[in-house]
Amino acid sequence: KEVEIEFLGLCTDICVISNVLMVKAALPEAKLI
């Protein structure tokens, strides 16, 4: 599906970056913000 996924939260340098990159791997065509 065409999807846009936005992220906010804590901590940018540990859990945010980890989850964003995992979602990027799971849905490589999703727009991530």
Full PDB file with SEQRES, HELIX, SHEET, SSBOND, CRYST1, ORIGX, SCALE, CONECT and MASTER records, all heavy atoms in Angstrom:
SEQRES   1 A   33  LYS GLU VAL GLU ILE GLU PHE LEU GLY LEU CYS THR ASP          
SEQRES   2 A   33  ILE CYS VAL ILE SER ASN VAL LEU MET VAL LYS ALA ALA          
SEQRES   3 A   33  LEU PRO GLU ALA LYS LEU ILE                                  
HELIX    1 AA1 THR A   12  VAL A   16  3                                   5    
HELIX    2 AA2 ILE A   17  ALA A   26  1                                  10    
SHEET    1 AA1 2 GLU A   4  ILE A   5  0                                        
SHEET    2 AA1 2 LYS A  31  LEU A  32  1                                        
CRYST1    1.000    1.000    1.000  90.00  90.00  90.00 P 1           1          
ORIGX1      1.000000  0.000000  0.000000        0.00000                         
ORIGX2      0.000000  1.000000  0.000000        0.00000                         
ORIGX3      0.000000  0.000000  1.000000        0.00000                         
SCALE1      1.000000  0.000000  0.000000        0.00000                         
SCALE2      0.000000  1.000000  0.000000        0.00000                         
SCALE3      0.000000  0.000000  1.000000        0.00000                         
ATOM      1  N   LYS A   1       0.848  -1.196   0.000  1.00  0.00           N  
ATOM      2  CA  LYS A   1       0.000   0.000   0.000  1.00  0.00           C  
ATOM      3  C   LYS A   1       0.879   1.240   0.000  1.00  0.00           C  
ATOM      4  O   LYS A   1       2.029   1.217   0.436  1.00  0.00           O  
ATOM      5  CB  LYS A   1      -0.901   0.020   1.243  1.00  0.00           C  
ATOM      6  CG  LYS A   1      -1.887  -1.122   1.286  1.00  0.00           C  
ATOM      7  CD  LYS A   1      -2.742  -1.042   2.529  1.00  0.00           C  
ATOM      8  CE  LYS A   1      -3.735  -2.206   2.558  1.00  0.00           C  
ATOM      9  NZ  LYS A   1      -4.561  -2.170   3.767  1.00  0.00           N  
ATOM     10  N   GLU A   2       0.299   2.333  -0.477  1.00  0.00           N  
ATOM     11  CA  GLU A   2       0.996   3.610  -0.388  1.00  0.00           C  
ATOM     12  C   GLU A   2       0.842   4.101   1.049  1.00  0.00           C  
ATOM     13  O   GLU A   2      -0.278   4.260   1.546  1.00  0.00           O  
ATOM     14  CB  GLU A   2       0.387   4.609  -1.371  1.00  0.00           C  
ATOM     15  CG  GLU A   2       1.207   5.841  -1.534  1.00  0.00           C  
ATOM     16  CD  GLU A   2       0.656   6.758  -2.615  1.00  0.00           C  
ATOM     17  OE1 GLU A   2      -0.275   6.360  -3.355  1.00  0.00           O  
ATOM     18  OE2 GLU A   2       1.168   7.883  -2.695  1.00  0.00           O  
ATOM     19  N   VAL A   3       1.963   4.309   1.718  1.00  0.00           N  
ATOM     20  CA  VAL A   3       1.910   4.603   3.145  1.00  0.00           C  
ATOM     21  C   VAL A   3       2.962   5.646   3.522  1.00  0.00           C  
ATOM     22  O   VAL A   3       4.062   5.656   2.981  1.00  0.00           O  
ATOM     23  CB  VAL A   3       2.069   3.302   3.984  1.00  0.00           C  
ATOM     24  CG1 VAL A   3       3.403   2.648   3.747  1.00  0.00           C  
ATOM     25  CG2 VAL A   3       1.829   3.545   5.444  1.00  0.00           C  
ATOM     26  N   GLU A   4       2.555   6.523   4.439  1.00  0.00           N  
ATOM     27  CA  GLU A   4       3.458   7.512   5.021  1.00  0.00           C  
ATOM     28  C   GLU A   4       3.461   7.266   6.521  1.00  0.00           C  
ATOM     29  O   GLU A   4       2.399   7.251   7.152  1.00  0.00           O  
ATOM     30  CB  GLU A   4       2.956   8.915   4.711  1.00  0.00           C  
ATOM     31  CG  GLU A   4       3.816  10.016   5.286  1.00  0.00           C  
ATOM     32  CD  GLU A   4       3.307  11.385   4.891  1.00  0.00           C  
ATOM     33  OE1 GLU A   4       3.626  11.830   3.772  1.00  0.00           O  
ATOM     34  OE2 GLU A   4       2.570  11.982   5.706  1.00  0.00           O  
ATOM     35  N   ILE A   5       4.657   7.072   7.077  1.00  0.00           N  
ATOM     36  CA  ILE A   5       4.786   6.747   8.491  1.00  0.00           C  
ATOM     37  C   ILE A   5       5.630   7.820   9.163  1.00  0.00           C  
ATOM     38  O   ILE A   5       6.777   8.040   8.782  1.00  0.00           O  
ATOM     39  CB  ILE A   5       5.413   5.354   8.706  1.00  0.00           C  
ATOM     40  CG1 ILE A   5       4.635   4.291   7.920  1.00  0.00           C  
ATOM     41  CG2 ILE A   5       5.461   5.014  10.196  1.00  0.00           C  
ATOM     42  CD1 ILE A   5       5.277   2.918   7.917  1.00  0.00           C  
ATOM     43  N   GLU A   6       5.042   8.467  10.156  1.00  0.00           N  
ATOM     44  CA  GLU A   6       5.717   9.511  10.909  1.00  0.00           C  
ATOM     45  C   GLU A   6       6.126   8.952  12.273  1.00  0.00           C  
ATOM     46  O   GLU A   6       5.431   8.108  12.831  1.00  0.00           O  
ATOM     47  CB  GLU A   6       4.786  10.708  11.102  1.00  0.00           C  
ATOM     48  CG  GLU A   6       4.294  11.298   9.794  1.00  0.00           C  
ATOM     49  CD  GLU A   6       3.321  12.439  10.011  1.00  0.00           C  
ATOM     50  OE1 GLU A   6       3.623  13.343  10.820  1.00  0.00           O  
ATOM     51  OE2 GLU A   6       2.255  12.430   9.367  1.00  0.00           O  
ATOM     52  N   PHE A   7       7.243   9.448  12.790  1.00  0.00           N  
ATOM     53  CA  PHE A   7       7.770   8.983  14.069  1.00  0.00           C  
ATOM     54  C   PHE A   7       8.055  10.156  14.990  1.00  0.00           C  
ATOM     55  O   PHE A   7       8.531  11.206  14.546  1.00  0.00           O  
ATOM     56  CB  PHE A   7       9.092   8.225  13.873  1.00  0.00           C  
ATOM     57  CG  PHE A   7       8.973   6.956  13.093  1.00  0.00           C  
ATOM     58  CD1 PHE A   7       8.977   6.972  11.708  1.00  0.00           C  
ATOM     59  CD2 PHE A   7       8.870   5.728  13.742  1.00  0.00           C  
ATOM     60  CE1 PHE A   7       8.870   5.790  10.982  1.00  0.00           C  
ATOM     61  CE2 PHE A   7       8.772   4.546  13.026  1.00  0.00           C  
ATOM     62  CZ  PHE A   7       8.764   4.580  11.638  1.00  0.00           C  
ATOM     63  N   LEU A   8       7.805   9.943  16.276  1.00  0.00           N  
ATOM     64  CA  LEU A   8       8.221  10.861  17.329  1.00  0.00           C  
ATOM     65  C   LEU A   8       8.571  10.027  18.549  1.00  0.00           C  
ATOM     66  O   LEU A   8       8.149   8.882  18.654  1.00  0.00           O  
ATOM     67  CB  LEU A   8       7.117  11.893  17.643  1.00  0.00           C  
ATOM     68  CG  LEU A   8       5.788  11.394  18.193  1.00  0.00           C  
ATOM     69  CD1 LEU A   8       5.819  11.129  19.704  1.00  0.00           C  
ATOM     70  CD2 LEU A   8       4.709  12.425  17.897  1.00  0.00           C  
ATOM     71  N   GLY A   9       9.364  10.587  19.453  1.00  0.00           N  
ATOM     72  CA  GLY A   9       9.608   9.862  20.694  1.00  0.00           C  
ATOM     73  C   GLY A   9      11.019   9.905  21.208  1.00  0.00           C  
ATOM     74  O   GLY A   9      11.821  10.765  20.861  1.00  0.00           O  
ATOM     75  N   LEU A  10      11.323   8.887  22.013  1.00  0.00           N  
ATOM     76  CA  LEU A  10      12.558   8.816  22.776  1.00  0.00           C  
ATOM     77  C   LEU A  10      13.193   7.433  22.637  1.00  0.00           C  
ATOM     78  O   LEU A  10      12.481   6.451  22.487  1.00  0.00           O  
ATOM     79  CB  LEU A  10      12.245   9.075  24.257  1.00  0.00           C  
ATOM     80  CG  LEU A  10      11.539  10.403  24.530  1.00  0.00           C  
ATOM     81  CD1 LEU A  10      10.974  10.428  25.933  1.00  0.00           C  
ATOM     82  CD2 LEU A  10      12.471  11.563  24.290  1.00  0.00           C  
ATOM     83  N   CYS A  11      14.410   7.353  22.733  1.00  0.00           N  
ATOM     84  CA  CYS A  11      15.463   8.328  22.550  1.00  0.00           C  
ATOM     85  C   CYS A  11      15.896   8.256  21.077  1.00  0.00           C  
ATOM     86  O   CYS A  11      16.066   7.162  20.537  1.00  0.00           O  
ATOM     87  CB  CYS A  11      16.643   8.016  23.450  1.00  0.00           C  
ATOM     88  SG  CYS A  11      16.296   8.223  25.230  1.00  0.00           S  
ATOM     89  N   THR A  12      16.088   9.400  20.466  1.00  0.00           N  
ATOM     90  CA  THR A  12      16.402   9.469  19.038  1.00  0.00           C  
ATOM     91  C   THR A  12      17.544   8.544  18.664  1.00  0.00           C  
ATOM     92  O   THR A  12      17.498   7.856  17.647  1.00  0.00           O  
ATOM     93  CB  THR A  12      16.809  10.906  18.636  1.00  0.00           C  
ATOM     94  OG1 THR A  12      15.990  11.845  19.307  1.00  0.00           O  
ATOM     95  CG2 THR A  12      16.727  11.097  17.140  1.00  0.00           C  
ATOM     96  N   ASP A  13      18.579   8.542  19.486  1.00  0.00           N  
ATOM     97  CA  ASP A  13      19.826   7.858  19.189  1.00  0.00           C  
ATOM     98  C   ASP A  13      19.842   6.385  19.583  1.00  0.00           C  
ATOM     99  O   ASP A  13      20.830   5.692  19.337  1.00  0.00           O  
ATOM    100  CB  ASP A  13      20.987   8.584  19.859  1.00  0.00           C  
ATOM    101  CG  ASP A  13      20.665   8.989  21.290  1.00  0.00           C  
ATOM    102  OD1 ASP A  13      19.478   8.992  21.683  1.00  0.00           O  
ATOM    103  OD2 ASP A  13      21.597   9.326  22.029  1.00  0.00           O  
ATOM    104  N   ILE A  14      18.759   5.891  20.154  1.00  0.00           N  
ATOM    105  CA  ILE A  14      18.710   4.483  20.531  1.00  0.00           C  
ATOM    106  C   ILE A  14      17.447   3.850  19.951  1.00  0.00           C  
ATOM    107  O   ILE A  14      17.497   3.157  18.936  1.00  0.00           O  
ATOM    108  CB  ILE A  14      18.795   4.287  22.070  1.00  0.00           C  
ATOM    109  CG1 ILE A  14      20.088   4.906  22.624  1.00  0.00           C  
ATOM    110  CG2 ILE A  14      18.729   2.814  22.433  1.00  0.00           C  
ATOM    111  CD1 ILE A  14      20.183   4.928  24.131  1.00  0.00           C  
ATOM    112  N   CYS A  15      16.325   4.082  20.568  1.00  0.00           N  
ATOM    113  CA  CYS A  15      15.093   3.387  20.171  1.00  0.00           C  
ATOM    114  C   CYS A  15      14.416   3.987  18.952  1.00  0.00           C  
ATOM    115  O   CYS A  15      13.839   3.257  18.148  1.00  0.00           O  
ATOM    116  CB  CYS A  15      14.131   3.312  21.353  1.00  0.00           C  
ATOM    117  SG  CYS A  15      14.794   2.277  22.686  1.00  0.00           S  
ATOM    118  N   VAL A  16      14.470   5.310  18.778  1.00  0.00           N  
ATOM    119  CA  VAL A  16      13.850   5.890  17.578  1.00  0.00           C  
ATOM    120  C   VAL A  16      14.589   5.403  16.339  1.00  0.00           C  
ATOM    121  O   VAL A  16      13.976   4.854  15.418  1.00  0.00           O  
ATOM    122  CB  VAL A  16      13.788   7.433  17.649  1.00  0.00           C  
ATOM    123  CG1 VAL A  16      13.300   8.013  16.322  1.00  0.00           C  
ATOM    124  CG2 VAL A  16      12.882   7.887  18.794  1.00  0.00           C  
ATOM    125  N   ILE A  17      15.893   5.581  16.296  1.00  0.00           N  
ATOM    126  CA  ILE A  17      16.651   5.166  15.109  1.00  0.00           C  
ATOM    127  C   ILE A  17      16.498   3.664  14.855  1.00  0.00           C  
ATOM    128  O   ILE A  17      16.338   3.241  13.712  1.00  0.00           O  
ATOM    129  CB  ILE A  17      18.142   5.592  15.188  1.00  0.00           C  
ATOM    130  CG1 ILE A  17      18.815   5.441  13.816  1.00  0.00           C  
ATOM    131  CG2 ILE A  17      18.885   4.851  16.287  1.00  0.00           C  
ATOM    132  CD1 ILE A  17      20.205   6.047  13.755  1.00  0.00           C  
ATOM    133  N   SER A  18      16.501   2.865  15.902  1.00  0.00           N  
ATOM    134  CA  SER A  18      16.362   1.410  15.742  1.00  0.00           C  
ATOM    135  C   SER A  18      15.027   1.066  15.092  1.00  0.00           C  
ATOM    136  O   SER A  18      14.964   0.279  14.141  1.00  0.00           O  
ATOM    137  CB  SER A  18      16.481   0.702  17.091  1.00  0.00           C  
ATOM    138  OG  SER A  18      17.757   0.875  17.636  1.00  0.00           O  
ATOM    139  N   ASN A  19      13.947   1.634  15.603  1.00  0.00           N  
ATOM    140  CA  ASN A  19      12.621   1.315  15.067  1.00  0.00           C  
ATOM    141  C   ASN A  19      12.411   1.872  13.667  1.00  0.00           C  
ATOM    142  O   ASN A  19      11.835   1.199  12.811  1.00  0.00           O  
ATOM    143  CB  ASN A  19      11.530   1.793  16.034  1.00  0.00           C  
ATOM    144  CG  ASN A  19      11.415   0.862  17.205  1.00  0.00           C  
ATOM    145  OD1 ASN A  19      10.860  -0.223  17.098  1.00  0.00           O  
ATOM    146  ND2 ASN A  19      11.972   1.263  18.344  1.00  0.00           N  
ATOM    147  N   VAL A  20      12.889   3.074  13.411  1.00  0.00           N  
ATOM    148  CA  VAL A  20      12.739   3.641  12.066  1.00  0.00           C  
ATOM    149  C   VAL A  20      13.460   2.766  11.040  1.00  0.00           C  
ATOM    150  O   VAL A  20      12.895   2.439   9.990  1.00  0.00           O  
ATOM    151  CB  VAL A  20      13.250   5.098  12.013  1.00  0.00           C  
ATOM    152  CG1 VAL A  20      13.286   5.613  10.578  1.00  0.00           C  
ATOM    153  CG2 VAL A  20      12.394   6.006  12.884  1.00  0.00           C  
ATOM    154  N   LEU A  21      14.678   2.363  11.335  1.00  0.00           N  
ATOM    155  CA  LEU A  21      15.431   1.559  10.371  1.00  0.00           C  
ATOM    156  C   LEU A  21      14.837   0.158  10.217  1.00  0.00           C  
ATOM    157  O   LEU A  21      14.856  -0.402   9.110  1.00  0.00           O  
ATOM    158  CB  LEU A  21      16.904   1.508  10.750  1.00  0.00           C  
ATOM    159  CG  LEU A  21      17.618   2.863  10.611  1.00  0.00           C  
ATOM    160  CD1 LEU A  21      19.057   2.761  11.081  1.00  0.00           C  
ATOM    161  CD2 LEU A  21      17.525   3.416   9.193  1.00  0.00           C  
ATOM    162  N   MET A  22      14.282  -0.388  11.274  1.00  0.00           N  
ATOM    163  CA  MET A  22      13.610  -1.690  11.156  1.00  0.00           C  
ATOM    164  C   MET A  22      12.354  -1.569  10.289  1.00  0.00           C  
ATOM    165  O   MET A  22      12.091  -2.431   9.445  1.00  0.00           O  
ATOM    166  CB  MET A  22      13.275  -2.239  12.538  1.00  0.00           C  
ATOM    167  CG  MET A  22      14.497  -2.702  13.311  1.00  0.00           C  
ATOM    168  SD  MET A  22      14.120  -3.188  15.008  1.00  0.00           S  
ATOM    169  CE  MET A  22      13.125  -4.654  14.732  1.00  0.00           C  
ATOM    170  N   VAL A  23      11.591  -0.490  10.461  1.00  0.00           N  
ATOM    171  CA  VAL A  23      10.403  -0.276   9.629  1.00  0.00           C  
ATOM    172  C   VAL A  23      10.830  -0.040   8.185  1.00  0.00           C  
ATOM    173  O   VAL A  23      10.185  -0.528   7.248  1.00  0.00           O  
ATOM    174  CB  VAL A  23       9.541   0.879  10.180  1.00  0.00           C  
ATOM    175  CG1 VAL A  23       8.452   1.279   9.194  1.00  0.00           C  
ATOM    176  CG2 VAL A  23       8.926   0.491  11.529  1.00  0.00           C  
ATOM    177  N   LYS A  24      11.925   0.671   7.968  1.00  0.00           N  
ATOM    178  CA  LYS A  24      12.443   0.894   6.601  1.00  0.00           C  
ATOM    179  C   LYS A  24      12.766  -0.445   5.938  1.00  0.00           C  
ATOM    180  O   LYS A  24      12.484  -0.632   4.751  1.00  0.00           O  
ATOM    181  CB  LYS A  24      13.685   1.792   6.654  1.00  0.00           C  
ATOM    182  CG  LYS A  24      14.279   2.126   5.309  1.00  0.00           C  
ATOM    183  CD  LYS A  24      13.392   3.071   4.546  1.00  0.00           C  
ATOM    184  CE  LYS A  24      14.047   3.547   3.264  1.00  0.00           C  
ATOM    185  NZ  LYS A  24      13.095   4.206   2.376  1.00  0.00           N  
ATOM    186  N   ALA A  25      13.314  -1.362   6.700  1.00  0.00           N  
ATOM    187  CA  ALA A  25      13.625  -2.685   6.144  1.00  0.00           C  
ATOM    188  C   ALA A  25      12.346  -3.478   5.858  1.00  0.00           C  
ATOM    189  O   ALA A  25      12.267  -4.192   4.866  1.00  0.00           O  
ATOM    190  CB  ALA A  25      14.519  -3.456   7.111  1.00  0.00           C  
ATOM    191  N   ALA A  26      11.342  -3.346   6.722  1.00  0.00           N  
ATOM    192  CA  ALA A  26      10.088  -4.091   6.548  1.00  0.00           C  
ATOM    193  C   ALA A  26       9.225  -3.519   5.427  1.00  0.00           C  
ATOM    194  O   ALA A  26       8.550  -4.268   4.720  1.00  0.00           O  
ATOM    195  CB  ALA A  26       9.298  -4.092   7.855  1.00  0.00           C  
ATOM    196  N   LEU A  27       9.255  -2.200   5.267  1.00  0.00           N  
ATOM    197  CA  LEU A  27       8.433  -1.516   4.256  1.00  0.00           C  
ATOM    198  C   LEU A  27       9.315  -0.528   3.490  1.00  0.00           C  
ATOM    199  O   LEU A  27       9.222   0.688   3.673  1.00  0.00           O  
ATOM    200  CB  LEU A  27       7.272  -0.777   4.930  1.00  0.00           C  
ATOM    201  CG  LEU A  27       6.233  -1.635   5.627  1.00  0.00           C  
ATOM    202  CD1 LEU A  27       5.305  -0.782   6.485  1.00  0.00           C  
ATOM    203  CD2 LEU A  27       5.442  -2.440   4.612  1.00  0.00           C  
ATOM    204  N   PRO A  28      10.181  -1.039   2.616  1.00  0.00           N  
ATOM    205  CA  PRO A  28      11.181  -0.177   1.983  1.00  0.00           C  
ATOM    206  C   PRO A  28      10.610   0.928   1.099  1.00  0.00           C  
ATOM    207  O   PRO A  28      11.273   1.933   0.857  1.00  0.00           O  
ATOM    208  CB  PRO A  28      12.039  -1.150   1.168  1.00  0.00           C  
ATOM    209  CG  PRO A  28      11.222  -2.381   1.022  1.00  0.00           C  
ATOM    210  CD  PRO A  28      10.318  -2.433   2.205  1.00  0.00           C  
ATOM    211  N   GLU A  29       9.384   0.790   0.622  1.00  0.00           N  
ATOM    212  CA  GLU A  29       8.794   1.819  -0.235  1.00  0.00           C  
ATOM    213  C   GLU A  29       7.949   2.822   0.536  1.00  0.00           C  
ATOM    214  O   GLU A  29       7.429   3.781  -0.048  1.00  0.00           O  
ATOM    215  CB  GLU A  29       7.973   1.171  -1.351  1.00  0.00           C  
ATOM    216  CG  GLU A  29       8.821   0.354  -2.319  1.00  0.00           C  
ATOM    217  CD  GLU A  29       9.942   1.162  -2.968  1.00  0.00           C  
ATOM    218  OE1 GLU A  29       9.697   2.316  -3.390  1.00  0.00           O  
ATOM    219  OE2 GLU A  29      11.079   0.653  -3.041  1.00  0.00           O  
ATOM    220  N   ALA A  30       7.792   2.633   1.832  1.00  0.00           N  
ATOM    221  CA  ALA A  30       7.023   3.581   2.639  1.00  0.00           C  
ATOM    222  C   ALA A  30       7.801   4.880   2.771  1.00  0.00           C  
ATOM    223  O   ALA A  30       9.027   4.886   2.853  1.00  0.00           O  
ATOM    224  CB  ALA A  30       6.742   2.997   4.018  1.00  0.00           C  
ATOM    225  N   LYS A  31       7.066   5.987   2.788  1.00  0.00           N  
ATOM    226  CA  LYS A  31       7.697   7.276   3.067  1.00  0.00           C  
ATOM    227  C   LYS A  31       7.798   7.393   4.584  1.00  0.00           C  
ATOM    228  O   LYS A  31       6.789   7.319   5.293  1.00  0.00           O  
ATOM    229  CB  LYS A  31       6.871   8.421   2.511  1.00  0.00           C  
ATOM    230  CG  LYS A  31       7.457   9.772   2.831  1.00  0.00           C  
ATOM    231  CD  LYS A  31       6.651  10.909   2.249  1.00  0.00           C  
ATOM    232  CE  LYS A  31       7.272  12.205   2.715  1.00  0.00           C  
ATOM    233  NZ  LYS A  31       7.474  13.134   1.651  1.00  0.00           N  
ATOM    234  N   LEU A  32       9.018   7.559   5.092  1.00  0.00           N  
ATOM    235  CA  LEU A  32       9.246   7.656   6.525  1.00  0.00           C  
ATOM    236  C   LEU A  32       9.675   9.075   6.885  1.00  0.00           C  
ATOM    237  O   LEU A  32      10.538   9.653   6.221  1.00  0.00           O  
ATOM    238  CB  LEU A  32      10.312   6.667   6.980  1.00  0.00           C  
ATOM    239  CG  LEU A  32      10.062   5.190   6.672  1.00  0.00           C  
ATOM    240  CD1 LEU A  32      11.146   4.328   7.303  1.00  0.00           C  
ATOM    241  CD2 LEU A  32       8.694   4.744   7.127  1.00  0.00           C  
ATOM    242  N   ILE A  33       9.070   9.602   7.940  1.00  0.00           N  
ATOM    243  CA  ILE A  33       9.343  10.958   8.401  1.00  0.00           C  
ATOM    244  C   ILE A  33       9.605  10.908   9.899  1.00  0.00           C  
ATOM    245  O   ILE A  33       8.809  10.350  10.655  1.00  0.00           O  
ATOM    246  CB  ILE A  33       8.141  11.885   8.143  1.00  0.00           C  
ATOM    247  CG1 ILE A  33       7.804  11.941   6.651  1.00  0.00           C  
ATOM    248  CG2 ILE A  33       8.387  13.282   8.713  1.00  0.00           C  
ATOM    249  CD1 ILE A  33       6.447  12.540   6.350  1.00  0.00           C  
TER     250      ILE A  33                                                      
MASTER        0    0    0    2    2    0    0    6  249    1    0    3          
END                                                                             
